[in-house]
Amino acid sequence: MAKYTLLIYGDFEQWEAMTPERRKEHDRAHEEFRAAAGSRVVGGEELEPAVSATTLRAPDVTTDGPYLETKEALGGFYLIEAGDLDEVLALAALLPEVRDGHSGVEIRPVVDHG
């Protein structure tokens, strides 16, 4: 089994503007994803807004917030194990960010150094 990260990007203002009903639908979709993926989910977390980030760059530069100016920021991630990319694509299609106009999911294989 290979490992893949599902990086969830979106517009924080859009996420914050969700009505309570829309937030419940959104959360329910993530619950459905986790139920469908089962033990293939190795880890994952929702992240604090990008404005809370600290960025380190060479040479010895530390800045508050994200390095790049962009509306879409990394909002969370899942780490999953799957047999192939097709399996990952089928699971990722369950995530609400795939359907929302202001967000998306980037799938990246994890390098196996072992």
PDB file of N, CA and C in Angstrom:
ATOM      1  N   MET A   1       0.842  -1.188   0.000  1.00  0.00           N
ATOM      2  CA  MET A   1       0.000   0.000   0.000  1.00  0.00           C
ATOM      3  C   MET A   1       0.885   1.248   0.000  1.00  0.00           C
ATOM      4  N   ALA A   2       0.491   2.217  -0.780  1.00  0.00           N
ATOM      5  CA  ALA A   2       1.200   3.491  -0.838  1.00  0.00           C
ATOM      6  C   ALA A   2       0.466   4.505   0.035  1.00  0.00           C
ATOM      7  N   LYS A   3       1.188   5.525   0.463  1.00  0.00           N
ATOM      8  CA  LYS A   3       0.583   6.612   1.225  1.00  0.00           C
ATOM      9  C   LYS A   3       0.398   7.824   0.323  1.00  0.00           C
ATOM     10  N   TYR A   4      -0.705   8.515   0.559  1.00  0.00           N
ATOM     11  CA  TYR A   4      -1.046   9.726  -0.187  1.00  0.00           C
ATOM     12  C   TYR A   4      -1.510  10.797   0.791  1.00  0.00           C
ATOM     13  N   THR A   5      -1.168  12.052   0.490  1.00  0.00           N
ATOM     14  CA  THR A   5      -1.746  13.165   1.249  1.00  0.00           C
ATOM     15  C   THR A   5      -2.849  13.772   0.406  1.00  0.00           C
ATOM     16  N   LEU A   6      -3.926  14.117   1.068  1.00  0.00           N
ATOM     17  CA  LEU A   6      -5.011  14.868   0.457  1.00  0.00           C
ATOM     18  C   LEU A   6      -4.957  16.241   1.104  1.00  0.00           C
ATOM     19  N   LEU A   7      -4.463  17.217   0.369  1.00  0.00           N
ATOM     20  CA  LEU A   7      -4.292  18.575   0.874  1.00  0.00           C
ATOM     21  C   LEU A   7      -5.525  19.382   0.496  1.00  0.00           C
ATOM     22  N   ILE A   8      -6.219  19.903   1.494  1.00  0.00           N
ATOM     23  CA  ILE A   8      -7.487  20.591   1.286  1.00  0.00           C
ATOM     24  C   ILE A   8      -7.246  22.099   1.306  1.00  0.00           C
ATOM     25  N   TYR A   9      -7.508  22.730   0.165  1.00  0.00           N
ATOM     26  CA  TYR A   9      -7.316  24.168   0.018  1.00  0.00           C
ATOM     27  C   TYR A   9      -8.670  24.854  -0.124  1.00  0.00           C
ATOM     28  N   GLY A  10      -8.742  26.078   0.349  1.00  0.00           N
ATOM     29  CA  GLY A  10      -9.966  26.845   0.171  1.00  0.00           C
ATOM     30  C   GLY A  10      -9.804  28.261   0.664  1.00  0.00           C
ATOM     31  N   ASP A  11     -10.867  29.021   0.496  1.00  0.00           N
ATOM     32  CA  ASP A  11     -10.917  30.412   0.918  1.00  0.00           C
ATOM     33  C   ASP A  11     -11.466  30.452   2.342  1.00  0.00           C
ATOM     34  N   PHE A  12     -10.630  30.834   3.295  1.00  0.00           N
ATOM     35  CA  PHE A  12     -11.020  30.845   4.699  1.00  0.00           C
ATOM     36  C   PHE A  12     -12.280  31.682   4.929  1.00  0.00           C
ATOM     37  N   GLU A  13     -12.387  32.815   4.260  1.00  0.00           N
ATOM     38  CA  GLU A  13     -13.574  33.667   4.439  1.00  0.00           C
ATOM     39  C   GLU A  13     -14.841  32.935   4.024  1.00  0.00           C
ATOM     40  N   GLN A  14     -14.756  32.128   2.969  1.00  0.00           N
ATOM     41  CA  GLN A  14     -15.911  31.334   2.528  1.00  0.00           C
ATOM     42  C   GLN A  14     -16.263  30.273   3.568  1.00  0.00           C
ATOM     43  N   TRP A  15     -15.241  29.622   4.126  1.00  0.00           N
ATOM     44  CA  TRP A  15     -15.494  28.614   5.154  1.00  0.00           C
ATOM     45  C   TRP A  15     -16.147  29.264   6.380  1.00  0.00           C
ATOM     46  N   GLU A  16     -15.644  30.426   6.784  1.00  0.00           N
ATOM     47  CA  GLU A  16     -16.178  31.120   7.955  1.00  0.00           C
ATOM     48  C   GLU A  16     -17.601  31.624   7.733  1.00  0.00           C
ATOM     49  N   ALA A  17     -17.949  31.904   6.482  1.00  0.00           N
ATOM     50  CA  ALA A  17     -19.268  32.453   6.167  1.00  0.00           C
ATOM     51  C   ALA A  17     -20.355  31.376   6.055  1.00  0.00           C
ATOM     52  N   MET A  18     -19.989  30.113   6.222  1.00  0.00           N
ATOM     53  CA  MET A  18     -20.985  29.041   6.111  1.00  0.00           C
ATOM     54  C   MET A  18     -22.064  29.201   7.172  1.00  0.00           C
ATOM     55  N   THR A  19     -23.285  28.964   6.768  1.00  0.00           N
ATOM     56  CA  THR A  19     -24.383  28.953   7.733  1.00  0.00           C
ATOM     57  C   THR A  19     -24.233  27.721   8.620  1.00  0.00           C
ATOM     58  N   PRO A  20     -24.844  27.698   9.785  1.00  0.00           N
ATOM     59  CA  PRO A  20     -24.766  26.501  10.626  1.00  0.00           C
ATOM     60  C   PRO A  20     -25.251  25.236   9.904  1.00  0.00           C
ATOM     61  N   GLU A  21     -26.281  25.373   9.074  1.00  0.00           N
ATOM     62  CA  GLU A  21     -26.788  24.216   8.325  1.00  0.00           C
ATOM     63  C   GLU A  21     -25.753  23.734   7.314  1.00  0.00           C
ATOM     64  N   ARG A  22     -25.140  24.683   6.606  1.00  0.00           N
ATOM     65  CA  ARG A  22     -24.110  24.319   5.611  1.00  0.00           C
ATOM     66  C   ARG A  22     -22.907  23.702   6.308  1.00  0.00           C
ATOM     67  N   ARG A  23     -22.533  24.207   7.477  1.00  0.00           N
ATOM     68  CA  ARG A  23     -21.407  23.655   8.239  1.00  0.00           C
ATOM     69  C   ARG A  23     -21.705  22.207   8.623  1.00  0.00           C
ATOM     70  N   LYS A  24     -22.953  21.931   9.037  1.00  0.00           N
ATOM     71  CA  LYS A  24     -23.322  20.548   9.382  1.00  0.00           C
ATOM     72  C   LYS A  24     -23.211  19.632   8.171  1.00  0.00           C
ATOM     73  N   GLU A  25     -23.665  20.102   7.000  1.00  0.00           N
ATOM     74  CA  GLU A  25     -23.546  19.316   5.774  1.00  0.00           C
ATOM     75  C   GLU A  25     -22.079  19.048   5.448  1.00  0.00           C
ATOM     76  N   HIS A  26     -21.275  20.091   5.586  1.00  0.00           N
ATOM     77  CA  HIS A  26     -19.837  19.997   5.321  1.00  0.00           C
ATOM     78  C   HIS A  26     -19.187  18.963   6.251  1.00  0.00           C
ATOM     79  N   ASP A  27     -19.469  19.077   7.542  1.00  0.00           N
ATOM     80  CA  ASP A  27     -18.907  18.140   8.513  1.00  0.00           C
ATOM     81  C   ASP A  27     -19.399  16.719   8.271  1.00  0.00           C
ATOM     82  N   ARG A  28     -20.665  16.584   7.892  1.00  0.00           N
ATOM     83  CA  ARG A  28     -21.231  15.259   7.614  1.00  0.00           C
ATOM     84  C   ARG A  28     -20.513  14.615   6.417  1.00  0.00           C
ATOM     85  N   ALA A  29     -20.195  15.414   5.405  1.00  0.00           N
ATOM     86  CA  ALA A  29     -19.468  14.890   4.248  1.00  0.00           C
ATOM     87  C   ALA A  29     -18.087  14.379   4.655  1.00  0.00           C
ATOM     88  N   HIS A  30     -17.432  15.080   5.578  1.00  0.00           N
ATOM     89  CA  HIS A  30     -16.130  14.600   6.065  1.00  0.00           C
ATOM     90  C   HIS A  30     -16.304  13.310   6.873  1.00  0.00           C
ATOM     91  N   GLU A  31     -17.361  13.209   7.646  1.00  0.00           N
ATOM     92  CA  GLU A  31     -17.634  11.967   8.384  1.00  0.00           C
ATOM     93  C   GLU A  31     -17.865  10.812   7.415  1.00  0.00           C
ATOM     94  N   GLU A  32     -18.596  11.070   6.333  1.00  0.00           N
ATOM     95  CA  GLU A  32     -18.844  10.047   5.321  1.00  0.00           C
ATOM     96  C   GLU A  32     -17.538   9.631   4.640  1.00  0.00           C
ATOM     97  N   PHE A  33     -16.671  10.603   4.371  1.00  0.00           N
ATOM     98  CA  PHE A  33     -15.360  10.279   3.794  1.00  0.00           C
ATOM     99  C   PHE A  33     -14.586   9.365   4.732  1.00  0.00           C
ATOM    100  N   ARG A  34     -14.510   9.741   6.018  1.00  0.00           N
ATOM    101  CA  ARG A  34     -13.755   8.935   6.981  1.00  0.00           C
ATOM    102  C   ARG A  34     -14.353   7.537   7.140  1.00  0.00           C
ATOM    103  N   ALA A  35     -15.673   7.434   7.096  1.00  0.00           N
ATOM    104  CA  ALA A  35     -16.330   6.127   7.203  1.00  0.00           C
ATOM    105  C   ALA A  35     -16.005   5.268   5.973  1.00  0.00           C
ATOM    106  N   ALA A  36     -16.042   5.875   4.784  1.00  0.00           N
ATOM    107  CA  ALA A  36     -15.742   5.134   3.557  1.00  0.00           C
ATOM    108  C   ALA A  36     -14.275   4.712   3.505  1.00  0.00           C
ATOM    109  N   ALA A  37     -13.395   5.586   3.973  1.00  0.00           N
ATOM    110  CA  ALA A  37     -11.962   5.284   3.937  1.00  0.00           C
ATOM    111  C   ALA A  37     -11.562   4.314   5.037  1.00  0.00           C
ATOM    112  N   GLY A  38     -12.266   4.334   6.157  1.00  0.00           N
ATOM    113  CA  GLY A  38     -11.993   3.402   7.253  1.00  0.00           C
ATOM    114  C   GLY A  38     -10.551   3.457   7.717  1.00  0.00           C
ATOM    115  N   SER A  39      -9.950   2.294   7.829  1.00  0.00           N
ATOM    116  CA  SER A  39      -8.583   2.204   8.357  1.00  0.00           C
ATOM    117  C   SER A  39      -7.544   2.729   7.377  1.00  0.00           C
ATOM    118  N   ARG A  40      -7.948   3.086   6.167  1.00  0.00           N
ATOM    119  CA  ARG A  40      -6.991   3.676   5.219  1.00  0.00           C
ATOM    120  C   ARG A  40      -6.583   5.086   5.632  1.00  0.00           C
ATOM    121  N   VAL A  41      -7.403   5.733   6.499  1.00  0.00           N
ATOM    122  CA  VAL A  41      -7.016   7.048   7.016  1.00  0.00           C
ATOM    123  C   VAL A  41      -5.973   6.832   8.103  1.00  0.00           C
ATOM    124  N   VAL A  42      -4.769   7.290   7.830  1.00  0.00           N
ATOM    125  CA  VAL A  42      -3.650   7.150   8.764  1.00  0.00           C
ATOM    126  C   VAL A  42      -3.564   8.359   9.685  1.00  0.00           C
ATOM    127  N   GLY A  43      -4.006   9.512   9.194  1.00  0.00           N
ATOM    128  CA  GLY A  43      -3.970  10.736   9.986  1.00  0.00           C
ATOM    129  C   GLY A  43      -4.644  11.859   9.241  1.00  0.00           C
ATOM    130  N   GLY A  44      -4.747  12.988   9.896  1.00  0.00           N
ATOM    131  CA  GLY A  44      -5.336  14.154   9.270  1.00  0.00           C
ATOM    132  C   GLY A  44      -5.800  15.133  10.320  1.00  0.00           C
ATOM    133  N   GLU A  45      -5.845  16.385   9.938  1.00  0.00           N
ATOM    134  CA  GLU A  45      -6.249  17.442  10.860  1.00  0.00           C
ATOM    135  C   GLU A  45      -6.784  18.636  10.078  1.00  0.00           C
ATOM    136  N   GLU A  46      -7.680  19.383  10.713  1.00  0.00           N
ATOM    137  CA  GLU A  46      -8.060  20.694  10.215  1.00  0.00           C
ATOM    138  C   GLU A  46      -7.035  21.666  10.771  1.00  0.00           C
ATOM    139  N   LEU A  47      -6.631  22.628   9.960  1.00  0.00           N
ATOM    140  CA  LEU A  47      -5.605  23.585  10.376  1.00  0.00           C
ATOM    141  C   LEU A  47      -6.222  24.923  10.749  1.00  0.00           C
ATOM    142  N   GLU A  48      -5.557  25.630  11.629  1.00  0.00           N
ATOM    143  CA  GLU A  48      -5.950  26.996  11.958  1.00  0.00           C
ATOM    144  C   GLU A  48      -5.785  27.851  10.696  1.00  0.00           C
ATOM    145  N   PRO A  49      -6.451  29.015  10.631  1.00  0.00           N
ATOM    146  CA  PRO A  49      -6.352  29.872   9.444  1.00  0.00           C
ATOM    147  C   PRO A  49      -4.906  30.243   9.112  1.00  0.00           C
ATOM    148  N   ALA A  50      -4.665  30.491   7.833  1.00  0.00           N
ATOM    149  CA  ALA A  50      -3.311  30.806   7.361  1.00  0.00           C
ATOM    150  C   ALA A  50      -2.717  32.031   8.047  1.00  0.00           C
ATOM    151  N   VAL A  51      -3.561  32.952   8.506  1.00  0.00           N
ATOM    152  CA  VAL A  51      -3.032  34.143   9.177  1.00  0.00           C
ATOM    153  C   VAL A  51      -2.316  33.786  10.479  1.00  0.00           C
ATOM    154  N   SER A  52      -2.545  32.594  11.007  1.00  0.00           N
ATOM    155  CA  SER A  52      -1.872  32.179  12.240  1.00  0.00           C
ATOM    156  C   SER A  52      -0.545  31.482  11.953  1.00  0.00           C
ATOM    157  N   ALA A  53      -0.204  31.332  10.676  1.00  0.00           N
ATOM    158  CA  ALA A  53       1.019  30.634  10.293  1.00  0.00           C
ATOM    159  C   ALA A  53       2.251  31.494  10.536  1.00  0.00           C
ATOM    160  N   THR A  54       3.370  30.835  10.714  1.00  0.00           N
ATOM    161  CA  THR A  54       4.679  31.472  10.742  1.00  0.00           C
ATOM    162  C   THR A  54       5.510  30.790   9.670  1.00  0.00           C
ATOM    163  N   THR A  55       6.142  31.567   8.809  1.00  0.00           N
ATOM    164  CA  THR A  55       6.901  31.028   7.690  1.00  0.00           C
ATOM    165  C   THR A  55       8.385  31.283   7.898  1.00  0.00           C
ATOM    166  N   LEU A  56       9.186  30.266   7.708  1.00  0.00           N
ATOM    167  CA  LEU A  56      10.646  30.379   7.791  1.00  0.00           C
ATOM    168  C   LEU A  56      11.225  30.272   6.390  1.00  0.00           C
ATOM    169  N   ARG A  57      12.144  31.157   6.056  1.00  0.00           N
ATOM    170  CA  ARG A  57      12.820  31.147   4.756  1.00  0.00           C
ATOM    171  C   ARG A  57      14.294  31.462   4.976  1.00  0.00           C
ATOM    172  N   ALA A  58      15.119  30.952   4.098  1.00  0.00           N
ATOM    173  CA  ALA A  58      16.539  31.263   4.157  1.00  0.00           C
ATOM    174  C   ALA A  58      16.756  32.639   3.551  1.00  0.00           C
ATOM    175  N   PRO A  59      17.700  33.411   3.925  1.00  0.00           N
ATOM    176  CA  PRO A  59      18.566  33.206   5.082  1.00  0.00           C
ATOM    177  C   PRO A  59      17.961  33.857   6.323  1.00  0.00           C
ATOM    178  N   ASP A  60      17.620  33.057   7.276  1.00  0.00           N
ATOM    179  CA  ASP A  60      17.153  33.501   8.593  1.00  0.00           C
ATOM    180  C   ASP A  60      16.017  34.522   8.544  1.00  0.00           C
ATOM    181  N   VAL A  61      15.009  34.263   7.728  1.00  0.00           N
ATOM    182  CA  VAL A  61      13.859  35.160   7.615  1.00  0.00           C
ATOM    183  C   VAL A  61      12.643  34.459   8.220  1.00  0.00           C
ATOM    184  N   THR A  62      11.986  35.130   9.152  1.00  0.00           N
ATOM    185  CA  THR A  62      10.764  34.619   9.755  1.00  0.00           C
ATOM    186  C   THR A  62       9.676  35.656   9.554  1.00  0.00           C
ATOM    187  N   THR A  63       8.530  35.237   9.007  1.00  0.00           N
ATOM    188  CA  THR A  63       7.425  36.170   8.791  1.00  0.00           C
ATOM    189  C   THR A  63       6.153  35.598   9.397  1.00  0.00           C
ATOM    190  N   ASP A  64       5.246  36.484   9.746  1.00  0.00           N
ATOM    191  CA  ASP A  64       3.931  36.061  10.213  1.00  0.00           C
ATOM    192  C   ASP A  64       3.051  35.795   9.009  1.00  0.00           C
ATOM    193  N   GLY A  65       2.172  34.818   9.154  1.00  0.00           N
ATOM    194  CA  GLY A  65       1.208  34.519   8.107  1.00  0.00           C
ATOM    195  C   GLY A  65       1.827  33.746   6.954  1.00  0.00           C
ATOM    196  N   PRO A  66       1.007  33.495   5.922  1.00  0.00           N
ATOM    197  CA  PRO A  66       1.493  32.726   4.782  1.00  0.00           C
ATOM    198  C   PRO A  66       2.503  33.534   3.981  1.00  0.00           C
ATOM    199  N   TYR A  67       3.389  32.847   3.307  1.00  0.00           N
ATOM    200  CA  TYR A  67       4.430  33.505   2.524  1.00  0.00           C
ATOM    201  C   TYR A  67       3.853  34.168   1.280  1.00  0.00           C
ATOM    202  N   LEU A  68       2.934  33.497   0.613  1.00  0.00           N
ATOM    203  CA  LEU A  68       2.366  34.027  -0.621  1.00  0.00           C
ATOM    204  C   LEU A  68       1.008  34.658  -0.364  1.00  0.00           C
ATOM    205  N   GLU A  69       0.689  35.685  -1.130  1.00  0.00           N
ATOM    206  CA  GLU A  69      -0.635  36.295  -1.060  1.00  0.00           C
ATOM    207  C   GLU A  69      -1.563  35.495  -1.965  1.00  0.00           C
ATOM    208  N   THR A  70      -2.526  34.820  -1.373  1.00  0.00           N
ATOM    209  CA  THR A  70      -3.464  34.028  -2.139  1.00  0.00           C
ATOM    210  C   THR A  70      -4.754  33.893  -1.350  1.00  0.00           C
ATOM    211  N   LYS A  71      -5.864  33.768  -2.051  1.00  0.00           N
ATOM    212  CA  LYS A  71      -7.132  33.564  -1.357  1.00  0.00           C
ATOM    213  C   LYS A  71      -7.245  32.137  -0.857  1.00  0.00           C
ATOM    214  N   GLU A  72      -6.773  31.192  -1.662  1.00  0.00           N
ATOM    215  CA  GLU A  72      -6.846  29.792  -1.257  1.00  0.00           C
ATOM    216  C   GLU A  72      -5.641  29.442  -0.407  1.00  0.00           C
ATOM    217  N   ALA A  73      -5.916  28.874   0.749  1.00  0.00           N
ATOM    218  CA  ALA A  73      -4.843  28.470   1.655  1.00  0.00           C
ATOM    219  C   ALA A  73      -5.104  27.042   2.105  1.00  0.00           C
ATOM    220  N   LEU A  74      -4.065  26.392   2.584  1.00  0.00           N
ATOM    221  CA  LEU A  74      -4.191  25.038   3.098  1.00  0.00           C
ATOM    222  C   LEU A  74      -5.024  25.076   4.364  1.00  0.00           C
ATOM    223  N   GLY A  75      -6.126  24.341   4.370  1.00  0.00           N
ATOM    224  CA  GLY A  75      -7.044  24.352   5.508  1.00  0.00           C
ATOM    225  C   GLY A  75      -7.060  23.058   6.290  1.00  0.00           C
ATOM    226  N   GLY A  76      -6.488  22.002   5.721  1.00  0.00           N
ATOM    227  CA  GLY A  76      -6.454  20.726   6.405  1.00  0.00           C
ATOM    228  C   GLY A  76      -5.881  19.660   5.492  1.00  0.00           C
ATOM    229  N   PHE A  77      -5.755  18.461   6.044  1.00  0.00           N
ATOM    230  CA  PHE A  77      -5.177  17.375   5.258  1.00  0.00           C
ATOM    231  C   PHE A  77      -5.613  16.030   5.819  1.00  0.00           C
ATOM    232  N   TYR A  78      -5.529  15.042   4.970  1.00  0.00           N
ATOM    233  CA  TYR A  78      -5.654  13.642   5.368  1.00  0.00           C
ATOM    234  C   TYR A  78      -4.428  12.914   4.860  1.00  0.00           C
ATOM    235  N   LEU A  79      -3.983  11.938   5.589  1.00  0.00           N
ATOM    236  CA  LEU A  79      -2.946  11.019   5.145  1.00  0.00           C
ATOM    237  C   LEU A  79      -3.617   9.664   5.053  1.00  0.00           C
ATOM    238  N   ILE A  80      -3.612   9.083   3.858  1.00  0.00           N
ATOM    239  CA  ILE A  80      -4.287   7.793   3.690  1.00  0.00           C
ATOM    240  C   ILE A  80      -3.356   6.794   3.026  1.00  0.00           C
ATOM    241  N   GLU A  81      -3.667   5.527   3.217  1.00  0.00           N
ATOM    242  CA  GLU A  81      -2.995   4.435   2.526  1.00  0.00           C
ATOM    243  C   GLU A  81      -3.974   3.848   1.521  1.00  0.00           C
ATOM    244  N   ALA A  82      -3.487   3.593   0.318  1.00  0.00           N
ATOM    245  CA  ALA A  82      -4.354   3.047  -0.714  1.00  0.00           C
ATOM    246  C   ALA A  82      -3.528   2.226  -1.688  1.00  0.00           C
ATOM    247  N   GLY A  83      -4.215   1.370  -2.408  1.00  0.00           N
ATOM    248  CA  GLY A  83      -3.553   0.508  -3.379  1.00  0.00           C
ATOM    249  C   GLY A  83      -3.058   1.249  -4.602  1.00  0.00           C
ATOM    250  N   ASP A  84      -3.799   2.272  -5.034  1.00  0.00           N
ATOM    251  CA  ASP A  84      -3.394   3.034  -6.207  1.00  0.00           C
ATOM    252  C   ASP A  84      -4.132   4.374  -6.239  1.00  0.00           C
ATOM    253  N   LEU A  85      -3.762   5.197  -7.205  1.00  0.00           N
ATOM    254  CA  LEU A  85      -4.336   6.534  -7.315  1.00  0.00           C
ATOM    255  C   LEU A  85      -5.843   6.487  -7.583  1.00  0.00           C
ATOM    256  N   ASP A  86      -6.306   5.514  -8.347  1.00  0.00           N
ATOM    257  CA  ASP A  86      -7.740   5.409  -8.627  1.00  0.00           C
ATOM    258  C   ASP A  86      -8.543   5.248  -7.338  1.00  0.00           C
ATOM    259  N   GLU A  87      -8.028   4.464  -6.406  1.00  0.00           N
ATOM    260  CA  GLU A  87      -8.689   4.286  -5.112  1.00  0.00           C
ATOM    261  C   GLU A  87      -8.748   5.606  -4.356  1.00  0.00           C
ATOM    262  N   VAL A  88      -7.662   6.354  -4.406  1.00  0.00           N
ATOM    263  CA  VAL A  88      -7.593   7.653  -3.730  1.00  0.00           C
ATOM    264  C   VAL A  88      -8.568   8.635  -4.373  1.00  0.00           C
ATOM    265  N   LEU A  89      -8.623   8.657  -5.685  1.00  0.00           N
ATOM    266  CA  LEU A  89      -9.529   9.563  -6.389  1.00  0.00           C
ATOM    267  C   LEU A  89     -10.990   9.279  -6.031  1.00  0.00           C
ATOM    268  N   ALA A  90     -11.344   8.019  -5.926  1.00  0.00           N
ATOM    269  CA  ALA A  90     -12.721   7.659  -5.564  1.00  0.00           C
ATOM    270  C   ALA A  90     -13.058   8.150  -4.161  1.00  0.00           C
ATOM    271  N   LEU A  91     -12.112   8.017  -3.234  1.00  0.00           N
ATOM    272  CA  LEU A  91     -12.343   8.495  -1.868  1.00  0.00           C
ATOM    273  C   LEU A  91     -12.378  10.017  -1.815  1.00  0.00           C
ATOM    274  N   ALA A  92     -11.429  10.655  -2.467  1.00  0.00           N
ATOM    275  CA  ALA A  92     -11.340  12.116  -2.429  1.00  0.00           C
ATOM    276  C   ALA A  92     -12.591  12.765  -3.022  1.00  0.00           C
ATOM    277  N   ALA A  93     -13.242  12.097  -3.951  1.00  0.00           N
ATOM    278  CA  ALA A  93     -14.458  12.634  -4.560  1.00  0.00           C
ATOM    279  C   ALA A  93     -15.572  12.821  -3.532  1.00  0.00           C
ATOM    280  N   LEU A  94     -15.466  12.170  -2.378  1.00  0.00           N
ATOM    281  CA  LEU A  94     -16.464  12.303  -1.320  1.00  0.00           C
ATOM    282  C   LEU A  94     -16.299  13.595  -0.516  1.00  0.00           C
ATOM    283  N   LEU A  95     -15.145  14.235  -0.616  1.00  0.00           N
ATOM    284  CA  LEU A  95     -14.879  15.437   0.177  1.00  0.00           C
ATOM    285  C   LEU A  95     -15.657  16.624  -0.384  1.00  0.00           C
ATOM    286  N   PRO A  96     -16.279  17.426   0.492  1.00  0.00           N
ATOM    287  CA  PRO A  96     -17.092  18.551   0.012  1.00  0.00           C
ATOM    288  C   PRO A  96     -16.277  19.618  -0.707  1.00  0.00           C
ATOM    289  N   GLU A  97     -15.000  19.723  -0.401  1.00  0.00           N
ATOM    290  CA  GLU A  97     -14.164  20.752  -1.037  1.00  0.00           C
ATOM    291  C   GLU A  97     -14.001  20.509  -2.536  1.00  0.00           C
ATOM    292  N   VAL A  98     -14.229  19.281  -2.982  1.00  0.00           N
ATOM    293  CA  VAL A  98     -14.144  18.977  -4.407  1.00  0.00           C
ATOM    294  C   VAL A  98     -15.298  19.641  -5.158  1.00  0.00           C
ATOM    295  N   ARG A  99     -16.429  19.822  -4.479  1.00  0.00           N
ATOM    296  CA  ARG A  99     -17.628  20.380  -5.111  1.00  0.00           C
ATOM    297  C   ARG A  99     -17.798  21.880  -4.881  1.00  0.00           C
ATOM    298  N   ASP A 100     -17.170  22.434  -3.858  1.00  0.00           N
ATOM    299  CA  ASP A 100     -17.300  23.862  -3.564  1.00  0.00           C
ATOM    300  C   ASP A 100     -16.477  24.668  -4.564  1.00  0.00           C
ATOM    301  N   GLY A 101     -17.018  25.776  -5.006  1.00  0.00           N
ATOM    302  CA  GLY A 101     -16.346  26.589  -6.010  1.00  0.00           C
ATOM    303  C   GLY A 101     -15.094  27.290  -5.528  1.00  0.00           C
ATOM    304  N   HIS A 102     -14.932  27.446  -4.225  1.00  0.00           N
ATOM    305  CA  HIS A 102     -13.799  28.203  -3.688  1.00  0.00           C
ATOM    306  C   HIS A 102     -12.689  27.313  -3.139  1.00  0.00           C
ATOM    307  N   SER A 103     -12.800  26.015  -3.339  1.00  0.00           N
ATOM    308  CA  SER A 103     -11.827  25.122  -2.714  1.00  0.00           C
ATOM    309  C   SER A 103     -11.467  23.974  -3.635  1.00  0.00           C
ATOM    310  N   GLY A 104     -10.540  23.154  -3.190  1.00  0.00           N
ATOM    311  CA  GLY A 104     -10.117  22.001  -3.966  1.00  0.00           C
ATOM    312  C   GLY A 104      -9.262  21.079  -3.123  1.00  0.00           C
ATOM    313  N   VAL A 105      -8.976  19.923  -3.666  1.00  0.00           N
ATOM    314  CA  VAL A 105      -8.168  18.914  -2.976  1.00  0.00           C
ATOM    315  C   VAL A 105      -7.010  18.523  -3.878  1.00  0.00           C
ATOM    316  N   GLU A 106      -5.810  18.659  -3.367  1.00  0.00           N
ATOM    317  CA  GLU A 106      -4.600  18.240  -4.077  1.00  0.00           C
ATOM    318  C   GLU A 106      -4.176  16.892  -3.510  1.00  0.00           C
ATOM    319  N   ILE A 107      -3.938  15.931  -4.385  1.00  0.00           N
ATOM    320  CA  ILE A 107      -3.518  14.594  -3.963  1.00  0.00           C
ATOM    321  C   ILE A 107      -2.048  14.433  -4.327  1.00  0.00           C
ATOM    322  N   ARG A 108      -1.248  14.078  -3.310  1.00  0.00           N
ATOM    323  CA  ARG A 108       0.182  13.901  -3.563  1.00  0.00           C
ATOM    324  C   ARG A 108       0.658  12.607  -2.942  1.00  0.00           C
ATOM    325  N   PRO A 109       1.357  11.783  -3.725  1.00  0.00           N
ATOM    326  CA  PRO A 109       1.934  10.566  -3.157  1.00  0.00           C
ATOM    327  C   PRO A 109       3.040  10.936  -2.167  1.00  0.00           C
ATOM    328  N   VAL A 110       3.166  10.128  -1.133  1.00  0.00           N
ATOM    329  CA  VAL A 110       4.225  10.304  -0.144  1.00  0.00           C
ATOM    330  C   VAL A 110       5.426   9.473  -0.598  1.00  0.00           C
ATOM    331  N   VAL A 111       6.614  10.034  -0.513  1.00  0.00           N
ATOM    332  CA  VAL A 111       7.827   9.316  -0.904  1.00  0.00           C
ATOM    333  C   VAL A 111       8.114   8.242   0.136  1.00  0.00           C
ATOM    334  N   ASP A 112       8.357   7.043  -0.335  1.00  0.00           N
ATOM    335  CA  ASP A 112       8.704   5.916   0.549  1.00  0.00           C
ATOM    336  C   ASP A 112      10.224   5.777   0.545  1.00  0.00           C
ATOM    337  N   HIS A 113      10.840   6.151   1.657  1.00  0.00           N
ATOM    338  CA  HIS A 113      12.302   6.065   1.766  1.00  0.00           C
ATOM    339  C   HIS A 113      12.758   4.703   2.282  1.00  0.00           C
ATOM    340  N   GLY A 114      11.802   3.829   2.543  1.00  0.00           N
ATOM    341  CA  GLY A 114      12.156   2.580   3.186  1.00  0.00           C
ATOM    342  C   GLY A 114      12.384   1.458   2.261  1.00  0.00           C
TER     343      GLY A 114
END
